[in-house]
Amino acid sequence: MLLSLIQLVRSLKHLGTCLALSGSCLLHCTVMHAQDRDTAFVQQEVHDHSPRKATLYSVLLPGLGQVYNQKYWKVPIIYGAGGAFAYFVGFNQVKYKKFRDAYVNGEPGTPALIDGQYYDYEILPRGRDYYRRYRDLSALGFGAIYLLNIVDAMIDASFFYYDVSDDLSLQIQPVILENSDMTATLGVGIRIGF
């Protein structure tokens, strides 16, 4: 089409007509290409960012959903908190086993040696219960970090394209309200601008 228009312009004898037609041809081609670029730009910009994918990624590997959401700074927090709870689960489990074994294998009235310290036989059940309780609480904390990782990834993915404009405003000011019985009342007015 463009080639036939150029041949038509060359065949015309008047310079003004030739310039007018070539200008309109150039304008038409520019507008068509600009529309193609705008459409391509919109299609590139709006890609599918799925909360389902982010949730699935976080279920498979904690922190992977945050990477998918481009919130890289959250990954060390997740692994730091998860690592701390995992450490406390292991520490309390080892102590629990030592107190349990000392109580089961010990004899009443004889002290038990645990990690270089002597404990009375009567105290061993309290130590066993203490470390079992904190082992269980640490395991719950580890599970909570894992669950929060999943929920955070899902919520971040849901609000990935959420636009917070600079034009948001909240104004609170005193207002005089007129009642139906022709009296006035002092009140508070709230104006929210979007």
C-alpha atoms as a PDB file:
ATOM      1  CA  MET A   1       0.000   0.000   0.000  1.00  0.00           C
ATOM      2  CA  LEU A   2       2.776   2.416   0.913  1.00  0.00           C
ATOM      3  CA  LEU A   3       4.651   1.627  -2.320  1.00  0.00           C
ATOM      4  CA  SER A   4       1.593   2.343  -4.484  1.00  0.00           C
ATOM      5  CA  LEU A   5       1.063   5.697  -2.745  1.00  0.00           C
ATOM      6  CA  ILE A   6       4.664   6.691  -3.420  1.00  0.00           C
ATOM      7  CA  GLN A   7       4.260   5.805  -7.129  1.00  0.00           C
ATOM      8  CA  LEU A   8       1.067   7.875  -7.223  1.00  0.00           C
ATOM      9  CA  VAL A   9       2.855  10.858  -5.700  1.00  0.00           C
ATOM     10  CA  ARG A  10       5.684  10.608  -8.286  1.00  0.00           C
ATOM     11  CA  SER A  11       3.229  10.536 -11.150  1.00  0.00           C
ATOM     12  CA  LEU A  12       1.567  13.788 -10.068  1.00  0.00           C
ATOM     13  CA  LYS A  13       2.753  16.921 -11.882  1.00  0.00           C
ATOM     14  CA  HIS A  14       1.985  19.586  -9.300  1.00  0.00           C
ATOM     15  CA  LEU A  15       4.439  20.038  -6.496  1.00  0.00           C
ATOM     16  CA  GLY A  16       1.853  21.206  -3.941  1.00  0.00           C
ATOM     17  CA  THR A  17      -0.390  18.219  -4.526  1.00  0.00           C
ATOM     18  CA  CYS A  18       2.603  15.953  -4.334  1.00  0.00           C
ATOM     19  CA  LEU A  19       3.708  17.392  -0.996  1.00  0.00           C
ATOM     20  CA  ALA A  20       0.194  17.266   0.446  1.00  0.00           C
ATOM     21  CA  LEU A  21      -0.275  13.622  -0.483  1.00  0.00           C
ATOM     22  CA  SER A  22       3.153  12.603   0.783  1.00  0.00           C
ATOM     23  CA  GLY A  23       2.521  14.450   4.050  1.00  0.00           C
ATOM     24  CA  SER A  24      -0.827  12.726   4.553  1.00  0.00           C
ATOM     25  CA  CYS A  25       0.762   9.378   3.721  1.00  0.00           C
ATOM     26  CA  LEU A  26       3.530   9.985   6.240  1.00  0.00           C
ATOM     27  CA  LEU A  27       1.012  11.075   8.865  1.00  0.00           C
ATOM     28  CA  HIS A  28      -1.127   8.007   8.229  1.00  0.00           C
ATOM     29  CA  CYS A  29       1.868   5.651   8.548  1.00  0.00           C
ATOM     30  CA  THR A  30       3.044   7.379  11.749  1.00  0.00           C
ATOM     31  CA  VAL A  31      -0.374   7.125  13.355  1.00  0.00           C
ATOM     32  CA  MET A  32      -0.686   3.464  12.435  1.00  0.00           C
ATOM     33  CA  HIS A  33       2.755   2.636  13.863  1.00  0.00           C
ATOM     34  CA  ALA A  34       2.063   4.652  17.006  1.00  0.00           C
ATOM     35  CA  GLN A  35      -1.130   2.691  17.607  1.00  0.00           C
ATOM     36  CA  ASP A  36       0.754  -0.556  17.103  1.00  0.00           C
ATOM     37  CA  ARG A  37       3.437   0.521  19.580  1.00  0.00           C
ATOM     38  CA  ASP A  38       0.860   1.611  22.175  1.00  0.00           C
ATOM     39  CA  THR A  39      -0.959  -1.693  21.901  1.00  0.00           C
ATOM     40  CA  ALA A  40       2.294  -3.614  22.173  1.00  0.00           C
ATOM     41  CA  PHE A  41       3.363  -1.490  25.153  1.00  0.00           C
ATOM     42  CA  VAL A  42       0.093  -2.125  26.975  1.00  0.00           C
ATOM     43  CA  GLN A  43       0.310  -5.837  26.288  1.00  0.00           C
ATOM     44  CA  GLN A  44       3.871  -5.976  27.624  1.00  0.00           C
ATOM     45  CA  GLU A  45       3.081  -3.940  30.723  1.00  0.00           C
ATOM     46  CA  VAL A  46      -0.014  -5.856  31.825  1.00  0.00           C
ATOM     47  CA  HIS A  47       1.131  -9.414  32.336  1.00  0.00           C
ATOM     48  CA  ASP A  48      -0.549 -11.915  34.570  1.00  0.00           C
ATOM     49  CA  HIS A  49       0.718 -11.810  38.157  1.00  0.00           C
ATOM     50  CA  SER A  50      -1.111 -14.620  39.868  1.00  0.00           C
ATOM     51  CA  PRO A  51      -1.707 -14.889  43.627  1.00  0.00           C
ATOM     52  CA  ARG A  52      -2.176 -18.617  43.058  1.00  0.00           C
ATOM     53  CA  LYS A  53       1.361 -18.949  41.650  1.00  0.00           C
ATOM     54  CA  ALA A  54       2.837 -16.938  44.516  1.00  0.00           C
ATOM     55  CA  THR A  55       1.027 -19.116  47.052  1.00  0.00           C
ATOM     56  CA  LEU A  56       2.121 -22.318  45.365  1.00  0.00           C
ATOM     57  CA  TYR A  57       5.729 -21.127  45.175  1.00  0.00           C
ATOM     58  CA  SER A  58       5.739 -20.273  48.881  1.00  0.00           C
ATOM     59  CA  VAL A  59       4.255 -23.642  49.771  1.00  0.00           C
ATOM     60  CA  LEU A  60       6.940 -25.456  47.785  1.00  0.00           C
ATOM     61  CA  LEU A  61       9.868 -23.374  49.054  1.00  0.00           C
ATOM     62  CA  PRO A  62       9.516 -20.650  51.698  1.00  0.00           C
ATOM     63  CA  GLY A  63      10.565 -17.302  50.274  1.00  0.00           C
ATOM     64  CA  LEU A  64      10.051 -18.273  46.634  1.00  0.00           C
ATOM     65  CA  GLY A  65       6.670 -16.517  46.566  1.00  0.00           C
ATOM     66  CA  GLN A  66       8.343 -13.330  47.811  1.00  0.00           C
ATOM     67  CA  VAL A  67      10.915 -13.615  45.030  1.00  0.00           C
ATOM     68  CA  TYR A  68       8.056 -14.043  42.529  1.00  0.00           C
ATOM     69  CA  ASN A  69       6.460 -10.876  43.971  1.00  0.00           C
ATOM     70  CA  GLN A  70       9.820  -9.052  43.709  1.00  0.00           C
ATOM     71  CA  LYS A  71       9.987  -8.483  47.487  1.00  0.00           C
ATOM     72  CA  TYR A  72      13.506  -9.823  47.837  1.00  0.00           C
ATOM     73  CA  TRP A  73      14.174  -8.134  51.186  1.00  0.00           C
ATOM     74  CA  LYS A  74      11.649 -10.421  52.916  1.00  0.00           C
ATOM     75  CA  VAL A  75      13.520 -13.644  52.124  1.00  0.00           C
ATOM     76  CA  PRO A  76      16.306 -13.185  54.749  1.00  0.00           C
ATOM     77  CA  ILE A  77      13.669 -12.341  57.365  1.00  0.00           C
ATOM     78  CA  ILE A  78      11.761 -15.540  56.609  1.00  0.00           C
ATOM     79  CA  TYR A  79      14.883 -17.698  56.707  1.00  0.00           C
ATOM     80  CA  GLY A  80      16.252 -15.928  59.777  1.00  0.00           C
ATOM     81  CA  ALA A  81      13.066 -16.416  61.780  1.00  0.00           C
ATOM     82  CA  GLY A  82      12.593 -19.962  60.499  1.00  0.00           C
ATOM     83  CA  GLY A  83      16.218 -20.816  61.283  1.00  0.00           C
ATOM     84  CA  ALA A  84      15.910 -19.438  64.816  1.00  0.00           C
ATOM     85  CA  PHE A  85      12.799 -21.499  65.509  1.00  0.00           C
ATOM     86  CA  ALA A  86      14.386 -24.595  63.949  1.00  0.00           C
ATOM     87  CA  TYR A  87      17.430 -24.119  66.202  1.00  0.00           C
ATOM     88  CA  PHE A  88      15.247 -23.868  69.307  1.00  0.00           C
ATOM     89  CA  VAL A  89      13.274 -26.961  68.283  1.00  0.00           C
ATOM     90  CA  GLY A  90      16.530 -28.931  68.011  1.00  0.00           C
ATOM     91  CA  PHE A  91      18.036 -27.509  71.213  1.00  0.00           C
ATOM     92  CA  ASN A  92      14.934 -28.207  73.298  1.00  0.00           C
ATOM     93  CA  GLN A  93      14.555 -31.697  71.784  1.00  0.00           C
ATOM     94  CA  VAL A  94      18.103 -32.639  72.792  1.00  0.00           C
ATOM     95  CA  LYS A  95      17.590 -31.318  76.338  1.00  0.00           C
ATOM     96  CA  TYR A  96      14.220 -33.062  76.580  1.00  0.00           C
ATOM     97  CA  LYS A  97      15.765 -36.411  75.609  1.00  0.00           C
ATOM     98  CA  LYS A  98      18.565 -36.000  78.156  1.00  0.00           C
ATOM     99  CA  PHE A  99      16.162 -35.268  81.014  1.00  0.00           C
ATOM    100  CA  ARG A 100      13.770 -38.033  79.923  1.00  0.00           C
ATOM    101  CA  ASP A 101      16.544 -40.636  79.652  1.00  0.00           C
ATOM    102  CA  ALA A 102      18.048 -39.569  82.978  1.00  0.00           C
ATOM    103  CA  TYR A 103      14.654 -39.938  84.654  1.00  0.00           C
ATOM    104  CA  VAL A 104      13.839 -43.309  83.049  1.00  0.00           C
ATOM    105  CA  ASN A 105      17.304 -44.822  83.634  1.00  0.00           C
ATOM    106  CA  GLY A 106      17.989 -43.163  86.996  1.00  0.00           C
ATOM    107  CA  GLU A 107      17.262 -44.329  90.502  1.00  0.00           C
ATOM    108  CA  PRO A 108      15.356 -42.328  93.108  1.00  0.00           C
ATOM    109  CA  GLY A 109      17.642 -40.523  95.523  1.00  0.00           C
ATOM    110  CA  THR A 110      20.675 -40.454  93.198  1.00  0.00           C
ATOM    111  CA  PRO A 111      21.540 -37.285  91.279  1.00  0.00           C
ATOM    112  CA  ALA A 112      21.814 -37.390  87.480  1.00  0.00           C
ATOM    113  CA  LEU A 113      24.639 -35.781  85.518  1.00  0.00           C
ATOM    114  CA  ILE A 114      23.361 -33.784  82.532  1.00  0.00           C
ATOM    115  CA  ASP A 115      25.749 -31.562  80.543  1.00  0.00           C
ATOM    116  CA  GLY A 116      28.224 -31.362  83.401  1.00  0.00           C
ATOM    117  CA  GLN A 117      25.666 -30.431  86.060  1.00  0.00           C
ATOM    118  CA  TYR A 118      24.055 -32.633  88.694  1.00  0.00           C
ATOM    119  CA  TYR A 119      20.275 -32.669  89.057  1.00  0.00           C
ATOM    120  CA  ASP A 120      18.249 -34.340  91.793  1.00  0.00           C
ATOM    121  CA  TYR A 121      16.098 -37.234  90.656  1.00  0.00           C
ATOM    122  CA  GLU A 122      12.919 -35.432  91.801  1.00  0.00           C
ATOM    123  CA  ILE A 123      13.690 -32.393  89.581  1.00  0.00           C
ATOM    124  CA  LEU A 124      14.155 -34.446  86.393  1.00  0.00           C
ATOM    125  CA  PRO A 125      10.403 -34.623  85.488  1.00  0.00           C
ATOM    126  CA  ARG A 126      10.127 -30.828  85.733  1.00  0.00           C
ATOM    127  CA  GLY A 127      13.137 -30.372  83.440  1.00  0.00           C
ATOM    128  CA  ARG A 128      11.741 -32.942  81.008  1.00  0.00           C
ATOM    129  CA  ASP A 129       8.332 -31.199  80.932  1.00  0.00           C
ATOM    130  CA  TYR A 130       9.963 -27.758  80.633  1.00  0.00           C
ATOM    131  CA  TYR A 131      12.013 -28.664  77.554  1.00  0.00           C
ATOM    132  CA  ARG A 132       9.131 -30.613  75.979  1.00  0.00           C
ATOM    133  CA  ARG A 133       6.870 -27.565  76.345  1.00  0.00           C
ATOM    134  CA  TYR A 134       9.379 -25.181  74.766  1.00  0.00           C
ATOM    135  CA  ARG A 135      10.165 -27.685  72.025  1.00  0.00           C
ATOM    136  CA  ASP A 136       6.477 -27.779  71.141  1.00  0.00           C
ATOM    137  CA  LEU A 137       6.159 -23.979  71.286  1.00  0.00           C
ATOM    138  CA  SER A 138       9.207 -23.619  69.049  1.00  0.00           C
ATOM    139  CA  ALA A 139       7.684 -26.060  66.559  1.00  0.00           C
ATOM    140  CA  LEU A 140       4.469 -23.987  66.582  1.00  0.00           C
ATOM    141  CA  GLY A 141       6.547 -20.861  65.962  1.00  0.00           C
ATOM    142  CA  PHE A 142       8.265 -22.548  63.026  1.00  0.00           C
ATOM    143  CA  GLY A 143       4.866 -23.538  61.608  1.00  0.00           C
ATOM    144  CA  ALA A 144       3.577 -19.984  62.112  1.00  0.00           C
ATOM    145  CA  ILE A 145       6.535 -18.549  60.168  1.00  0.00           C
ATOM    146  CA  TYR A 146       5.861 -21.026  57.350  1.00  0.00           C
ATOM    147  CA  LEU A 147       2.150 -20.113  57.295  1.00  0.00           C
ATOM    148  CA  LEU A 148       2.858 -16.357  57.446  1.00  0.00           C
ATOM    149  CA  ASN A 149       5.265 -16.773  54.526  1.00  0.00           C
ATOM    150  CA  ILE A 150       2.442 -18.277  52.448  1.00  0.00           C
ATOM    151  CA  VAL A 151      -0.139 -15.672  53.471  1.00  0.00           C
ATOM    152  CA  ASP A 152       2.299 -12.820  52.854  1.00  0.00           C
ATOM    153  CA  ALA A 153       3.095 -14.079  49.359  1.00  0.00           C
ATOM    154  CA  MET A 154      -0.596 -14.411  48.515  1.00  0.00           C
ATOM    155  CA  ILE A 155      -1.480 -10.916  49.773  1.00  0.00           C
ATOM    156  CA  ASP A 156       1.514  -9.291  48.067  1.00  0.00           C
ATOM    157  CA  ALA A 157       0.575 -10.949  44.778  1.00  0.00           C
ATOM    158  CA  SER A 158      -3.031  -9.770  45.144  1.00  0.00           C
ATOM    159  CA  PHE A 159      -1.882  -6.165  45.554  1.00  0.00           C
ATOM    160  CA  PHE A 160       0.950  -6.335  42.999  1.00  0.00           C
ATOM    161  CA  TYR A 161      -0.728  -3.855  40.629  1.00  0.00           C
ATOM    162  CA  TYR A 162      -2.413  -1.801  43.342  1.00  0.00           C
ATOM    163  CA  ASP A 163      -1.738   1.853  42.597  1.00  0.00           C
ATOM    164  CA  VAL A 164      -1.413   4.311  45.443  1.00  0.00           C
ATOM    165  CA  SER A 165      -1.779   7.667  43.787  1.00  0.00           C
ATOM    166  CA  ASP A 166      -0.235  10.869  45.096  1.00  0.00           C
ATOM    167  CA  ASP A 167      -3.692  12.446  44.963  1.00  0.00           C
ATOM    168  CA  LEU A 168      -5.041  10.661  48.056  1.00  0.00           C
ATOM    169  CA  SER A 169      -6.119  13.020  50.811  1.00  0.00           C
ATOM    170  CA  LEU A 170      -8.141  13.049  54.016  1.00  0.00           C
ATOM    171  CA  GLN A 171      -9.459  16.258  55.487  1.00  0.00           C
ATOM    172  CA  ILE A 172     -11.193  16.486  58.859  1.00  0.00           C
ATOM    173  CA  GLN A 173     -12.783  19.828  59.667  1.00  0.00           C
ATOM    174  CA  PRO A 174     -15.572  21.257  61.829  1.00  0.00           C
ATOM    175  CA  VAL A 175     -18.928  21.610  60.082  1.00  0.00           C
ATOM    176  CA  ILE A 176     -22.214  23.299  60.974  1.00  0.00           C
ATOM    177  CA  LEU A 177     -25.098  20.993  60.117  1.00  0.00           C
ATOM    178  CA  GLU A 178     -28.650  22.259  59.627  1.00  0.00           C
ATOM    179  CA  ASN A 179     -31.360  20.070  61.131  1.00  0.00           C
ATOM    180  CA  SER A 180     -34.898  19.648  59.836  1.00  0.00           C
ATOM    181  CA  ASP A 181     -36.309  21.751  62.704  1.00  0.00           C
ATOM    182  CA  MET A 182     -34.240  24.775  61.571  1.00  0.00           C
ATOM    183  CA  THR A 183     -31.598  24.430  64.287  1.00  0.00           C
ATOM    184  CA  ALA A 184     -27.895  24.112  63.738  1.00  0.00           C
ATOM    185  CA  THR A 185     -25.592  21.486  65.140  1.00  0.00           C
ATOM    186  CA  LEU A 186     -21.821  21.500  65.285  1.00  0.00           C
ATOM    187  CA  GLY A 187     -20.246  18.338  63.859  1.00  0.00           C
ATOM    188  CA  VAL A 188     -17.154  16.897  62.243  1.00  0.00           C
ATOM    189  CA  GLY A 189     -16.900  16.563  58.492  1.00  0.00           C
ATOM    190  CA  ILE A 190     -14.593  14.127  56.739  1.00  0.00           C
ATOM    191  CA  ARG A 191     -13.635  14.589  53.103  1.00  0.00           C
ATOM    192  CA  ILE A 192     -11.756  11.832  51.305  1.00  0.00           C
ATOM    193  CA  GLY A 193     -10.204  12.660  47.930  1.00  0.00           C
ATOM    194  CA  PHE A 194      -9.186  10.015  45.403  1.00  0.00           C
END
